[in-house]
Amino acid sequence: MARNRLFEDDVLVIGLGRFGSAVALELTRLGHRVIAVERDSALAESYVNKVAKVVNADMALASAGDMIRSAEPKIAVVGIGSSVESSVLAAANLVDAGVPSIWAKALSPEHKRILDRIGVHHVISPEADSGRRVAHLVNGRLLDYIEFDDGYAIVKIRPPAETIGFTLEQSQIRKKYGVTVVGTKVPGEDFTYAVPQTKISAHHTLIVSGPTELLERFAARP
């Protein structure tokens, strides 16, 4: 299996459900050596030859710690989606084994709180994150939306009418709305970083960053 030299770290992925399998396959595509662990033997067998190594085992068991230490992964991802208890126990085994970077999927706010408390470094709440993202997209004003923890976001929007035919310097978007146009894109052309002389047309898509509330206000402009 070919490896991308930019990504040399072995990654342990626990659980091959929808989330875990997507992580494992994408990490493999990026060039990581993925060791996938799945307690369902039939599911584990279906990923043989799709990732570097597949192990049929229950990582919630106390004995799993020995396997983790022998593999010496620098990164581990807990993708278990069927049981909070199994997820927490697998994550605890990783913490006890001293894995430097542990990522885990949380099924609920309470689950996230437990994972945080036992020492998981990165807790992901895919359903909650996806729900918030969709809420920002349903009105059609935003074409894409990525939010950060501190209320800051990057969005992709169509240009408001007041910006069309003017340069960014002339529009004074940052001064008026408190957001920054970081780039533009026209269909069929490459992404272009924005400069004061960038002239906006109706065909442009704008990539804009700033506080979430201010971005929503700017996107609401006709």
N, C-alpha and C. Protein backbone atom coordinates (compact mmCIF):
# COMPACT_ATOMS: atom_id res chain seq x y z
N MET A 1 0.85 -1.19 0.00
CA MET A 1 0.00 0.00 0.00
C MET A 1 0.89 1.25 0.00
N ALA A 2 0.69 2.11 -1.00
CA ALA A 2 1.54 3.29 -1.14
C ALA A 2 1.34 4.24 0.02
N ARG A 3 2.41 4.91 0.38
CA ARG A 3 2.32 5.87 1.49
C ARG A 3 2.78 7.23 1.05
N ASN A 4 2.10 8.24 1.54
CA ASN A 4 2.47 9.61 1.29
C ASN A 4 3.51 9.99 2.35
N ARG A 5 4.67 10.39 1.93
CA ARG A 5 5.77 10.65 2.87
C ARG A 5 5.48 11.82 3.80
N LEU A 6 4.46 12.60 3.49
CA LEU A 6 4.11 13.71 4.38
C LEU A 6 3.45 13.20 5.66
N PHE A 7 2.92 11.98 5.62
CA PHE A 7 2.17 11.45 6.75
C PHE A 7 2.74 10.10 7.15
N GLU A 8 3.66 10.10 8.10
CA GLU A 8 4.35 8.88 8.49
C GLU A 8 3.78 8.22 9.74
N ASP A 9 2.93 8.91 10.49
CA ASP A 9 2.45 8.38 11.76
C ASP A 9 1.46 7.23 11.57
N ASP A 10 1.65 6.17 12.37
CA ASP A 10 0.66 5.11 12.42
C ASP A 10 -0.55 5.64 13.20
N VAL A 11 -1.75 5.25 12.77
CA VAL A 11 -2.97 5.69 13.45
C VAL A 11 -3.80 4.46 13.82
N LEU A 12 -4.22 4.41 15.06
CA LEU A 12 -5.09 3.35 15.54
C LEU A 12 -6.52 3.86 15.47
N VAL A 13 -7.39 3.18 14.71
CA VAL A 13 -8.80 3.56 14.60
C VAL A 13 -9.64 2.46 15.23
N ILE A 14 -10.40 2.83 16.24
CA ILE A 14 -11.19 1.85 16.99
C ILE A 14 -12.67 2.00 16.63
N GLY A 15 -13.21 0.96 16.02
CA GLY A 15 -14.62 0.98 15.61
C GLY A 15 -14.72 1.31 14.13
N LEU A 16 -15.35 0.42 13.37
CA LEU A 16 -15.46 0.61 11.92
C LEU A 16 -16.91 0.81 11.48
N GLY A 17 -17.65 1.56 12.30
CA GLY A 17 -18.99 1.98 11.87
C GLY A 17 -18.85 3.07 10.82
N ARG A 18 -19.92 3.81 10.58
CA ARG A 18 -19.88 4.83 9.52
C ARG A 18 -18.79 5.88 9.76
N PHE A 19 -18.72 6.36 10.99
CA PHE A 19 -17.72 7.38 11.31
C PHE A 19 -16.31 6.81 11.27
N GLY A 20 -16.08 5.73 12.02
CA GLY A 20 -14.74 5.15 12.11
C GLY A 20 -14.21 4.68 10.77
N SER A 21 -15.07 4.05 9.96
CA SER A 21 -14.61 3.55 8.67
C SER A 21 -14.25 4.70 7.73
N ALA A 22 -15.03 5.79 7.79
CA ALA A 22 -14.72 6.95 6.95
C ALA A 22 -13.37 7.55 7.34
N VAL A 23 -13.11 7.63 8.65
CA VAL A 23 -11.82 8.13 9.13
C VAL A 23 -10.69 7.22 8.68
N ALA A 24 -10.88 5.91 8.86
CA ALA A 24 -9.82 4.95 8.52
C ALA A 24 -9.48 4.98 7.03
N LEU A 25 -10.49 5.02 6.18
CA LEU A 25 -10.25 5.00 4.74
C LEU A 25 -9.61 6.30 4.26
N GLU A 26 -10.04 7.42 4.83
CA GLU A 26 -9.46 8.70 4.41
C GLU A 26 -8.01 8.83 4.90
N LEU A 27 -7.74 8.38 6.12
CA LEU A 27 -6.36 8.40 6.62
C LEU A 27 -5.46 7.52 5.76
N THR A 28 -6.00 6.39 5.33
CA THR A 28 -5.23 5.51 4.44
C THR A 28 -4.95 6.20 3.12
N ARG A 29 -5.96 6.88 2.59
CA ARG A 29 -5.78 7.60 1.33
C ARG A 29 -4.70 8.68 1.46
N LEU A 30 -4.65 9.30 2.63
CA LEU A 30 -3.66 10.36 2.87
C LEU A 30 -2.25 9.81 3.09
N GLY A 31 -2.13 8.49 3.28
CA GLY A 31 -0.81 7.89 3.39
C GLY A 31 -0.44 7.37 4.76
N HIS A 32 -1.33 7.50 5.73
CA HIS A 32 -1.06 6.95 7.06
C HIS A 32 -1.17 5.43 7.03
N ARG A 33 -0.43 4.76 7.91
CA ARG A 33 -0.60 3.32 8.13
C ARG A 33 -1.67 3.17 9.21
N VAL A 34 -2.83 2.69 8.81
CA VAL A 34 -3.97 2.60 9.72
C VAL A 34 -4.09 1.18 10.27
N ILE A 35 -4.15 1.09 11.60
CA ILE A 35 -4.46 -0.17 12.28
C ILE A 35 -5.89 -0.04 12.78
N ALA A 36 -6.81 -0.75 12.15
CA ALA A 36 -8.22 -0.67 12.50
C ALA A 36 -8.59 -1.80 13.45
N VAL A 37 -9.34 -1.48 14.49
CA VAL A 37 -9.76 -2.48 15.48
C VAL A 37 -11.28 -2.49 15.54
N GLU A 38 -11.86 -3.67 15.33
CA GLU A 38 -13.32 -3.81 15.32
C GLU A 38 -13.70 -5.12 16.00
N ARG A 39 -14.66 -5.08 16.93
CA ARG A 39 -15.03 -6.29 17.67
C ARG A 39 -15.98 -7.20 16.89
N ASP A 40 -16.68 -6.65 15.88
CA ASP A 40 -17.55 -7.47 15.03
C ASP A 40 -16.67 -8.15 13.97
N SER A 41 -16.56 -9.48 14.04
CA SER A 41 -15.63 -10.19 13.16
C SER A 41 -15.96 -10.04 11.69
N ALA A 42 -17.24 -10.07 11.33
CA ALA A 42 -17.62 -9.94 9.92
C ALA A 42 -17.27 -8.55 9.40
N LEU A 43 -17.54 -7.53 10.20
CA LEU A 43 -17.22 -6.16 9.80
C LEU A 43 -15.71 -5.98 9.69
N ALA A 44 -14.98 -6.52 10.65
CA ALA A 44 -13.52 -6.43 10.60
C ALA A 44 -12.98 -7.09 9.33
N GLU A 45 -13.50 -8.25 9.00
CA GLU A 45 -13.05 -8.98 7.80
C GLU A 45 -13.29 -8.18 6.53
N SER A 46 -14.36 -7.39 6.50
CA SER A 46 -14.69 -6.63 5.28
C SER A 46 -13.70 -5.51 5.00
N TYR A 47 -12.86 -5.15 5.98
CA TYR A 47 -11.89 -4.07 5.77
C TYR A 47 -10.47 -4.58 5.57
N VAL A 48 -10.29 -5.89 5.54
CA VAL A 48 -8.97 -6.45 5.23
C VAL A 48 -8.59 -6.01 3.81
N ASN A 49 -7.36 -5.56 3.65
CA ASN A 49 -6.83 -5.04 2.37
C ASN A 49 -7.31 -3.63 2.03
N LYS A 50 -8.18 -3.06 2.87
CA LYS A 50 -8.59 -1.67 2.65
C LYS A 50 -7.75 -0.72 3.50
N VAL A 51 -7.23 -1.23 4.61
CA VAL A 51 -6.31 -0.48 5.48
C VAL A 51 -5.11 -1.36 5.75
N ALA A 52 -4.09 -0.79 6.36
CA ALA A 52 -2.84 -1.54 6.54
C ALA A 52 -3.02 -2.81 7.37
N LYS A 53 -3.81 -2.72 8.45
CA LYS A 53 -3.98 -3.88 9.33
C LYS A 53 -5.35 -3.81 9.99
N VAL A 54 -6.01 -4.95 10.09
CA VAL A 54 -7.31 -5.01 10.77
C VAL A 54 -7.21 -6.03 11.89
N VAL A 55 -7.64 -5.64 13.10
CA VAL A 55 -7.61 -6.51 14.26
C VAL A 55 -9.03 -6.71 14.77
N ASN A 56 -9.44 -7.96 14.93
CA ASN A 56 -10.75 -8.27 15.50
C ASN A 56 -10.60 -8.39 17.01
N ALA A 57 -10.97 -7.33 17.73
CA ALA A 57 -10.78 -7.31 19.18
C ALA A 57 -11.73 -6.30 19.81
N ASP A 58 -11.95 -6.45 21.11
CA ASP A 58 -12.78 -5.53 21.88
C ASP A 58 -11.86 -4.62 22.68
N MET A 59 -11.77 -3.38 22.26
CA MET A 59 -10.85 -2.44 22.90
C MET A 59 -11.37 -1.91 24.23
N ALA A 60 -12.59 -2.31 24.62
CA ALA A 60 -13.11 -1.89 25.92
C ALA A 60 -12.59 -2.78 27.04
N LEU A 61 -11.98 -3.90 26.70
CA LEU A 61 -11.47 -4.82 27.71
C LEU A 61 -10.16 -4.30 28.30
N ALA A 62 -9.93 -4.61 29.57
CA ALA A 62 -8.70 -4.16 30.23
C ALA A 62 -7.46 -4.70 29.54
N SER A 63 -7.55 -5.90 28.97
CA SER A 63 -6.40 -6.51 28.30
C SER A 63 -5.98 -5.77 27.04
N ALA A 64 -6.83 -4.87 26.54
CA ALA A 64 -6.52 -4.14 25.31
C ALA A 64 -5.32 -3.23 25.49
N GLY A 65 -5.03 -2.85 26.73
CA GLY A 65 -3.90 -1.96 26.98
C GLY A 65 -2.59 -2.52 26.49
N ASP A 66 -2.41 -3.83 26.62
CA ASP A 66 -1.17 -4.45 26.16
C ASP A 66 -1.01 -4.32 24.65
N MET A 67 -2.13 -4.50 23.93
CA MET A 67 -2.08 -4.39 22.47
C MET A 67 -1.74 -2.96 22.05
N ILE A 68 -2.32 -1.99 22.76
CA ILE A 68 -2.06 -0.58 22.44
C ILE A 68 -0.58 -0.25 22.64
N ARG A 69 -0.04 -0.69 23.76
CA ARG A 69 1.37 -0.40 24.05
C ARG A 69 2.31 -1.08 23.04
N SER A 70 1.95 -2.27 22.59
CA SER A 70 2.81 -2.96 21.62
C SER A 70 2.76 -2.29 20.25
N ALA A 71 1.60 -1.71 19.91
CA ALA A 71 1.46 -1.03 18.61
C ALA A 71 2.16 0.33 18.62
N GLU A 72 2.26 0.95 19.81
CA GLU A 72 2.89 2.27 19.98
C GLU A 72 2.36 3.32 19.01
N PRO A 73 1.04 3.48 18.89
CA PRO A 73 0.52 4.50 17.98
C PRO A 73 0.75 5.90 18.52
N LYS A 74 1.03 6.83 17.63
CA LYS A 74 1.15 8.23 18.03
C LYS A 74 -0.23 8.90 18.07
N ILE A 75 -1.15 8.34 17.29
CA ILE A 75 -2.49 8.91 17.18
C ILE A 75 -3.51 7.78 17.27
N ALA A 76 -4.61 8.03 17.96
CA ALA A 76 -5.70 7.05 18.03
C ALA A 76 -7.04 7.76 17.88
N VAL A 77 -7.96 7.11 17.20
CA VAL A 77 -9.30 7.65 17.00
C VAL A 77 -10.31 6.63 17.50
N VAL A 78 -11.17 7.04 18.43
CA VAL A 78 -12.24 6.17 18.92
C VAL A 78 -13.52 6.54 18.18
N GLY A 79 -13.95 5.66 17.29
CA GLY A 79 -15.14 5.94 16.49
C GLY A 79 -16.34 5.09 16.89
N ILE A 80 -16.31 4.50 18.08
CA ILE A 80 -17.40 3.62 18.52
C ILE A 80 -18.69 4.43 18.65
N GLY A 81 -19.75 3.96 17.97
CA GLY A 81 -21.00 4.70 17.99
C GLY A 81 -22.16 3.92 18.57
N SER A 82 -21.91 2.70 19.03
CA SER A 82 -22.99 1.85 19.51
C SER A 82 -23.14 1.84 21.02
N SER A 83 -22.12 2.27 21.75
CA SER A 83 -22.16 2.18 23.21
C SER A 83 -21.27 3.22 23.85
N VAL A 84 -21.87 4.04 24.71
CA VAL A 84 -21.10 5.05 25.44
C VAL A 84 -20.09 4.35 26.35
N GLU A 85 -20.52 3.27 27.00
CA GLU A 85 -19.64 2.56 27.91
C GLU A 85 -18.41 2.02 27.19
N SER A 86 -18.62 1.38 26.03
CA SER A 86 -17.49 0.83 25.27
C SER A 86 -16.56 1.93 24.80
N SER A 87 -17.13 3.05 24.37
CA SER A 87 -16.34 4.19 23.92
C SER A 87 -15.46 4.72 25.05
N VAL A 88 -16.06 4.91 26.23
CA VAL A 88 -15.32 5.46 27.38
C VAL A 88 -14.23 4.50 27.83
N LEU A 89 -14.54 3.20 27.88
CA LEU A 89 -13.54 2.23 28.31
C LEU A 89 -12.38 2.13 27.32
N ALA A 90 -12.69 2.17 26.02
CA ALA A 90 -11.64 2.13 25.00
C ALA A 90 -10.77 3.38 25.11
N ALA A 91 -11.41 4.53 25.29
CA ALA A 91 -10.66 5.78 25.43
C ALA A 91 -9.78 5.77 26.68
N ALA A 92 -10.32 5.21 27.77
CA ALA A 92 -9.55 5.13 29.02
C ALA A 92 -8.32 4.25 28.83
N ASN A 93 -8.47 3.16 28.09
CA ASN A 93 -7.31 2.30 27.81
C ASN A 93 -6.24 3.04 27.03
N LEU A 94 -6.66 3.89 26.10
CA LEU A 94 -5.71 4.68 25.31
C LEU A 94 -4.99 5.69 26.20
N VAL A 95 -5.76 6.34 27.08
CA VAL A 95 -5.16 7.32 28.01
C VAL A 95 -4.15 6.63 28.92
N ASP A 96 -4.55 5.48 29.47
CA ASP A 96 -3.65 4.74 30.38
C ASP A 96 -2.38 4.28 29.67
N ALA A 97 -2.51 3.99 28.36
CA ALA A 97 -1.34 3.52 27.60
C ALA A 97 -0.43 4.67 27.16
N GLY A 98 -0.86 5.91 27.41
CA GLY A 98 -0.02 7.06 27.10
C GLY A 98 0.02 7.46 25.65
N VAL A 99 -1.04 7.17 24.89
CA VAL A 99 -1.08 7.58 23.47
C VAL A 99 -1.06 9.11 23.42
N PRO A 100 -0.13 9.70 22.65
CA PRO A 100 0.06 11.16 22.68
C PRO A 100 -1.12 11.99 22.16
N SER A 101 -1.85 11.45 21.17
CA SER A 101 -2.95 12.23 20.59
C SER A 101 -4.16 11.33 20.42
N ILE A 102 -5.19 11.57 21.22
CA ILE A 102 -6.39 10.74 21.20
C ILE A 102 -7.59 11.58 20.75
N TRP A 103 -8.28 11.06 19.74
CA TRP A 103 -9.50 11.69 19.23
C TRP A 103 -10.65 10.72 19.51
N ALA A 104 -11.82 11.25 19.88
CA ALA A 104 -12.95 10.37 20.14
C ALA A 104 -14.25 11.04 19.74
N LYS A 105 -15.14 10.22 19.22
CA LYS A 105 -16.48 10.68 18.84
C LYS A 105 -17.39 10.64 20.06
N ALA A 106 -18.10 11.75 20.32
CA ALA A 106 -19.05 11.80 21.43
C ALA A 106 -20.47 11.64 20.91
N LEU A 107 -21.27 10.84 21.61
CA LEU A 107 -22.65 10.60 21.19
C LEU A 107 -23.63 11.58 21.82
N SER A 108 -23.19 12.30 22.86
CA SER A 108 -24.07 13.23 23.56
C SER A 108 -23.20 14.21 24.34
N PRO A 109 -23.78 15.31 24.82
CA PRO A 109 -23.01 16.25 25.65
C PRO A 109 -22.45 15.58 26.91
N GLU A 110 -23.21 14.66 27.49
CA GLU A 110 -22.74 13.96 28.69
C GLU A 110 -21.54 13.07 28.36
N HIS A 111 -21.63 12.38 27.25
CA HIS A 111 -20.53 11.53 26.78
C HIS A 111 -19.28 12.38 26.55
N LYS A 112 -19.46 13.53 25.93
CA LYS A 112 -18.33 14.44 25.68
C LYS A 112 -17.69 14.86 26.99
N ARG A 113 -18.51 15.16 27.99
CA ARG A 113 -17.99 15.60 29.27
C ARG A 113 -17.14 14.51 29.92
N ILE A 114 -17.59 13.26 29.82
CA ILE A 114 -16.82 12.15 30.39
C ILE A 114 -15.49 11.98 29.66
N LEU A 115 -15.53 12.03 28.33
CA LEU A 115 -14.31 11.87 27.54
C LEU A 115 -13.31 12.97 27.87
N ASP A 116 -13.81 14.19 28.02
CA ASP A 116 -12.93 15.30 28.40
C ASP A 116 -12.28 15.03 29.76
N ARG A 117 -13.06 14.55 30.69
CA ARG A 117 -12.57 14.37 32.06
C ARG A 117 -11.54 13.25 32.19
N ILE A 118 -11.65 12.22 31.36
CA ILE A 118 -10.69 11.12 31.48
C ILE A 118 -9.40 11.40 30.73
N GLY A 119 -9.35 12.53 29.98
CA GLY A 119 -8.10 12.92 29.37
C GLY A 119 -8.00 12.76 27.87
N VAL A 120 -9.14 12.57 27.18
CA VAL A 120 -9.11 12.53 25.71
C VAL A 120 -8.76 13.92 25.20
N HIS A 121 -7.82 13.99 24.27
CA HIS A 121 -7.30 15.29 23.83
C HIS A 121 -8.26 16.05 22.90
N HIS A 122 -8.96 15.32 22.04
CA HIS A 122 -9.84 15.95 21.06
C HIS A 122 -11.16 15.19 21.02
N VAL A 123 -12.25 15.85 21.42
CA VAL A 123 -13.56 15.21 21.40
C VAL A 123 -14.40 15.83 20.30
N ILE A 124 -14.93 14.97 19.42
CA ILE A 124 -15.71 15.42 18.28
C ILE A 124 -17.17 15.09 18.52
N SER A 125 -18.05 16.04 18.21
CA SER A 125 -19.50 15.80 18.30
C SER A 125 -20.08 15.99 16.90
N PRO A 126 -19.94 15.01 16.02
CA PRO A 126 -20.29 15.19 14.61
C PRO A 126 -21.75 15.55 14.37
N GLU A 127 -22.68 14.95 15.12
CA GLU A 127 -24.09 15.26 14.89
C GLU A 127 -24.42 16.69 15.30
N ALA A 128 -23.92 17.11 16.46
CA ALA A 128 -24.18 18.49 16.91
C ALA A 128 -23.52 19.49 15.97
N ASP A 129 -22.26 19.21 15.59
CA ASP A 129 -21.55 20.12 14.68
C ASP A 129 -22.25 20.21 13.34
N SER A 130 -22.70 19.07 12.83
CA SER A 130 -23.40 19.04 11.55
C SER A 130 -24.72 19.78 11.65
N GLY A 131 -25.42 19.62 12.76
CA GLY A 131 -26.69 20.30 12.95
C GLY A 131 -26.54 21.81 12.95
N ARG A 132 -25.53 22.30 13.65
CA ARG A 132 -25.29 23.75 13.67
C ARG A 132 -24.95 24.26 12.27
N ARG A 133 -24.13 23.49 11.55
CA ARG A 133 -23.73 23.90 10.20
C ARG A 133 -24.94 23.99 9.28
N VAL A 134 -25.79 22.98 9.33
CA VAL A 134 -26.99 22.98 8.48
C VAL A 134 -27.89 24.16 8.82
N ALA A 135 -28.01 24.49 10.10
CA ALA A 135 -28.85 25.61 10.51
C ALA A 135 -28.41 26.92 9.85
N HIS A 136 -27.11 27.05 9.62
CA HIS A 136 -26.60 28.26 8.97
C HIS A 136 -26.77 28.23 7.46
N LEU A 137 -26.99 27.04 6.89
CA LEU A 137 -27.05 26.91 5.44
C LEU A 137 -28.46 26.87 4.87
N VAL A 138 -29.46 26.54 5.69
CA VAL A 138 -30.79 26.27 5.15
C VAL A 138 -31.45 27.48 4.50
N ASN A 139 -31.10 28.69 4.93
CA ASN A 139 -31.75 29.86 4.33
C ASN A 139 -31.18 30.23 2.97
N GLY A 140 -30.14 29.55 2.53
CA GLY A 140 -29.61 29.77 1.19
C GLY A 140 -28.65 30.94 1.07
N ARG A 141 -28.48 31.69 2.14
CA ARG A 141 -27.57 32.84 2.08
C ARG A 141 -26.11 32.39 2.05
N LEU A 142 -25.79 31.37 2.84
CA LEU A 142 -24.43 30.86 2.90
C LEU A 142 -24.30 29.62 2.04
N LEU A 143 -23.22 29.54 1.28
CA LEU A 143 -22.97 28.36 0.44
C LEU A 143 -22.16 27.31 1.19
N ASP A 144 -21.39 27.75 2.17
CA ASP A 144 -20.66 26.84 3.04
C ASP A 144 -20.31 27.57 4.32
N TYR A 145 -20.05 26.81 5.38
CA TYR A 145 -19.89 27.42 6.71
C TYR A 145 -18.99 26.54 7.57
N ILE A 146 -17.92 27.13 8.09
CA ILE A 146 -17.03 26.42 9.02
C ILE A 146 -16.87 27.30 10.24
N GLU A 147 -17.30 26.80 11.41
CA GLU A 147 -17.23 27.58 12.64
C GLU A 147 -16.14 27.05 13.55
N PHE A 148 -15.48 27.97 14.27
CA PHE A 148 -14.46 27.61 15.24
C PHE A 148 -15.02 27.80 16.64
N ASP A 149 -14.32 27.28 17.65
CA ASP A 149 -14.84 27.27 19.01
C ASP A 149 -15.08 28.65 19.61
N ASP A 150 -14.38 29.64 19.12
CA ASP A 150 -14.47 30.96 19.75
C ASP A 150 -15.47 31.88 19.06
N GLY A 151 -16.45 31.31 18.35
CA GLY A 151 -17.46 32.14 17.70
C GLY A 151 -16.97 32.80 16.44
N TYR A 152 -15.90 32.29 15.87
CA TYR A 152 -15.31 32.82 14.65
C TYR A 152 -15.58 31.82 13.53
N ALA A 153 -15.84 32.29 12.32
CA ALA A 153 -16.17 31.37 11.24
C ALA A 153 -15.59 31.85 9.91
N ILE A 154 -15.56 30.92 8.97
CA ILE A 154 -15.24 31.22 7.58
C ILE A 154 -16.41 30.74 6.74
N VAL A 155 -16.92 31.59 5.87
CA VAL A 155 -18.09 31.23 5.07
C VAL A 155 -17.83 31.47 3.59
N LYS A 156 -18.64 30.82 2.78
CA LYS A 156 -18.62 31.03 1.34
C LYS A 156 -19.98 31.59 0.97
N ILE A 157 -20.01 32.77 0.34
CA ILE A 157 -21.28 33.41 0.02
C ILE A 157 -21.25 34.03 -1.38
N ARG A 158 -22.44 34.30 -1.88
CA ARG A 158 -22.56 35.09 -3.11
C ARG A 158 -22.37 36.55 -2.73
N PRO A 159 -21.82 37.38 -3.62
CA PRO A 159 -21.57 38.78 -3.24
C PRO A 159 -22.87 39.57 -3.10
N PRO A 160 -23.01 40.34 -2.03
CA PRO A 160 -24.16 41.25 -1.91
C PRO A 160 -24.15 42.25 -3.07
N ALA A 161 -25.32 42.71 -3.45
CA ALA A 161 -25.45 43.60 -4.61
C ALA A 161 -24.59 44.85 -4.48
N GLU A 162 -24.46 45.36 -3.26
CA GLU A 162 -23.72 46.61 -3.06
C GLU A 162 -22.22 46.48 -3.33
N THR A 163 -21.71 45.24 -3.43
CA THR A 163 -20.28 45.03 -3.69
C THR A 163 -19.97 44.79 -5.17
N ILE A 164 -20.98 44.49 -5.95
CA ILE A 164 -20.77 44.11 -7.36
C ILE A 164 -20.37 45.33 -8.19
N GLY A 165 -19.27 45.19 -8.92
CA GLY A 165 -18.77 46.27 -9.76
C GLY A 165 -17.78 47.18 -9.05
N PHE A 166 -17.50 46.86 -7.77
CA PHE A 166 -16.57 47.68 -7.00
C PHE A 166 -15.39 46.83 -6.52
N THR A 167 -14.26 47.50 -6.26
CA THR A 167 -13.14 46.80 -5.64
C THR A 167 -13.42 46.67 -4.15
N LEU A 168 -12.67 45.80 -3.50
CA LEU A 168 -12.85 45.65 -2.05
C LEU A 168 -12.51 46.94 -1.32
N GLU A 169 -11.53 47.67 -1.84
CA GLU A 169 -11.16 48.95 -1.24
C GLU A 169 -12.31 49.94 -1.32
N GLN A 170 -13.00 49.93 -2.45
CA GLN A 170 -14.13 50.85 -2.62
C GLN A 170 -15.33 50.43 -1.76
N SER A 171 -15.54 49.13 -1.63
CA SER A 171 -16.70 48.63 -0.88
C SER A 171 -16.54 48.82 0.62
N GLN A 172 -15.28 48.82 1.10
CA GLN A 172 -15.00 48.99 2.53
C GLN A 172 -15.80 48.01 3.39
N ILE A 173 -15.78 46.76 2.97
CA ILE A 173 -16.56 45.73 3.66
C ILE A 173 -16.11 45.56 5.12
N ARG A 174 -14.81 45.53 5.31
CA ARG A 174 -14.31 45.34 6.68
C ARG A 174 -14.73 46.50 7.59
N LYS A 175 -14.65 47.71 7.09
CA LYS A 175 -14.99 48.88 7.89
C LYS A 175 -16.49 48.91 8.21
N LYS A 176 -17.32 48.54 7.22
CA LYS A 176 -18.76 48.60 7.39
C LYS A 176 -19.33 47.44 8.21
N TYR A 177 -18.78 46.26 7.97
CA TYR A 177 -19.42 45.06 8.52
C TYR A 177 -18.54 44.27 9.49
N GLY A 178 -17.27 44.62 9.63
CA GLY A 178 -16.41 43.93 10.58
C GLY A 178 -15.97 42.54 10.16
N VAL A 179 -16.07 42.24 8.86
CA VAL A 179 -15.65 40.94 8.35
C VAL A 179 -14.61 41.16 7.25
N THR A 180 -13.87 40.10 6.92
CA THR A 180 -12.78 40.22 5.96
C THR A 180 -12.96 39.25 4.80
N VAL A 181 -12.92 39.78 3.59
CA VAL A 181 -12.93 38.92 2.39
C VAL A 181 -11.50 38.41 2.20
N VAL A 182 -11.31 37.12 2.35
CA VAL A 182 -9.96 36.55 2.25
C VAL A 182 -9.66 35.99 0.87
N GLY A 183 -10.69 35.77 0.07
CA GLY A 183 -10.44 35.24 -1.27
C GLY A 183 -11.69 35.26 -2.11
N THR A 184 -11.51 35.03 -3.40
CA THR A 184 -12.63 34.98 -4.33
C THR A 184 -12.46 33.80 -5.27
N LYS A 185 -13.58 33.37 -5.84
CA LYS A 185 -13.55 32.25 -6.77
C LYS A 185 -14.60 32.48 -7.85
N VAL A 186 -14.18 32.29 -9.11
CA VAL A 186 -15.08 32.34 -10.25
C VAL A 186 -15.14 30.94 -10.84
N PRO A 187 -16.33 30.45 -11.22
CA PRO A 187 -16.41 29.10 -11.78
C PRO A 187 -15.43 28.89 -12.93
N GLY A 188 -14.68 27.81 -12.88
CA GLY A 188 -13.72 27.50 -13.93
C GLY A 188 -12.36 28.13 -13.75
N GLU A 189 -12.22 28.96 -12.72
CA GLU A 189 -10.94 29.62 -12.47
C GLU A 189 -10.41 29.24 -11.09
N ASP A 190 -9.13 29.49 -10.85
CA ASP A 190 -8.51 29.16 -9.58
C ASP A 190 -8.96 30.12 -8.48
N PHE A 191 -8.88 29.64 -7.23
CA PHE A 191 -9.09 30.50 -6.07
C PHE A 191 -8.06 31.62 -6.08
N THR A 192 -8.49 32.83 -5.75
CA THR A 192 -7.59 33.98 -5.73
C THR A 192 -7.66 34.66 -4.37
N TYR A 193 -6.50 34.90 -3.75
CA TYR A 193 -6.48 35.65 -2.50
C TYR A 193 -6.91 37.09 -2.76
N ALA A 194 -7.70 37.63 -1.85
CA ALA A 194 -8.23 38.98 -2.03
C ALA A 194 -7.19 40.04 -1.68
N VAL A 195 -7.19 41.10 -2.46
CA VAL A 195 -6.38 42.28 -2.22
C VAL A 195 -7.29 43.49 -2.36
N PRO A 196 -6.89 44.65 -1.89
CA PRO A 196 -7.77 45.83 -1.97
C PRO A 196 -8.26 46.12 -3.39
N GLN A 197 -7.44 45.75 -4.40
CA GLN A 197 -7.81 46.04 -5.78
C GLN A 197 -8.69 44.98 -6.42
N THR A 198 -9.02 43.93 -5.68
CA THR A 198 -9.89 42.88 -6.22
C THR A 198 -11.27 43.46 -6.53
N LYS A 199 -11.69 43.31 -7.80
CA LYS A 199 -12.99 43.84 -8.21
C LYS A 199 -14.00 42.70 -8.24
N ILE A 200 -15.14 42.91 -7.61
CA ILE A 200 -16.14 41.88 -7.46
C ILE A 200 -17.18 41.95 -8.59
N SER A 201 -17.47 40.79 -9.16
CA SER A 201 -18.53 40.69 -10.16
C SER A 201 -19.63 39.77 -9.64
N ALA A 202 -20.74 39.71 -10.37
CA ALA A 202 -21.85 38.86 -9.95
C ALA A 202 -21.50 37.39 -10.03
N HIS A 203 -20.44 37.06 -10.76
CA HIS A 203 -20.04 35.67 -10.94
C HIS A 203 -19.12 35.19 -9.80
N HIS A 204 -18.66 36.10 -9.00
CA HIS A 204 -17.74 35.72 -7.93
C HIS A 204 -18.45 34.99 -6.78
N THR A 205 -17.71 34.12 -6.14
CA THR A 205 -18.07 33.60 -4.82
C THR A 205 -17.04 34.17 -3.86
N LEU A 206 -17.50 34.68 -2.72
CA LEU A 206 -16.60 35.29 -1.75
C LEU A 206 -16.32 34.32 -0.60
N ILE A 207 -15.06 34.26 -0.18
CA ILE A 207 -14.67 33.54 1.02
C ILE A 207 -14.42 34.60 2.08
N VAL A 208 -15.23 34.58 3.14
CA VAL A 208 -15.23 35.67 4.12
C VAL A 208 -15.03 35.11 5.53
N SER A 209 -14.22 35.79 6.32
CA SER A 209 -13.98 35.36 7.70
C SER A 209 -14.38 36.46 8.67
N GLY A 210 -14.68 36.03 9.90
CA GLY A 210 -15.01 37.01 10.93
C GLY A 210 -15.88 36.40 12.01
N PRO A 211 -16.33 37.21 12.98
CA PRO A 211 -17.23 36.73 14.03
C PRO A 211 -18.53 36.22 13.41
N THR A 212 -19.05 35.13 13.93
CA THR A 212 -20.23 34.48 13.35
C THR A 212 -21.41 35.44 13.20
N GLU A 213 -21.69 36.20 14.23
CA GLU A 213 -22.84 37.11 14.18
C GLU A 213 -22.69 38.15 13.08
N LEU A 214 -21.47 38.68 12.91
CA LEU A 214 -21.24 39.70 11.89
C LEU A 214 -21.28 39.08 10.48
N LEU A 215 -20.82 37.86 10.35
CA LEU A 215 -20.91 37.19 9.05
C LEU A 215 -22.36 36.97 8.64
N GLU A 216 -23.19 36.59 9.60
CA GLU A 216 -24.62 36.38 9.29
C GLU A 216 -25.26 37.70 8.83
N ARG A 217 -24.88 38.79 9.48
CA ARG A 217 -25.44 40.09 9.09
C ARG A 217 -25.00 40.48 7.69
N PHE A 218 -23.73 40.23 7.40
CA PHE A 218 -23.21 40.57 6.07
C PHE A 218 -23.87 39.69 5.01
N ALA A 219 -24.03 38.41 5.30
CA ALA A 219 -24.65 37.49 4.33
C ALA A 219 -26.11 37.83 4.07
N ALA A 220 -26.74 38.48 5.04
CA ALA A 220 -28.16 38.83 4.89
C ALA A 220 -28.38 40.04 4.00
N ARG A 221 -27.31 40.71 3.61
CA ARG A 221 -27.45 41.87 2.72
C ARG A 221 -27.98 41.40 1.36
N PRO A 222 -28.87 42.14 0.75
CA PRO A 222 -29.45 41.71 -0.54
C PRO A 222 -28.43 41.74 -1.68
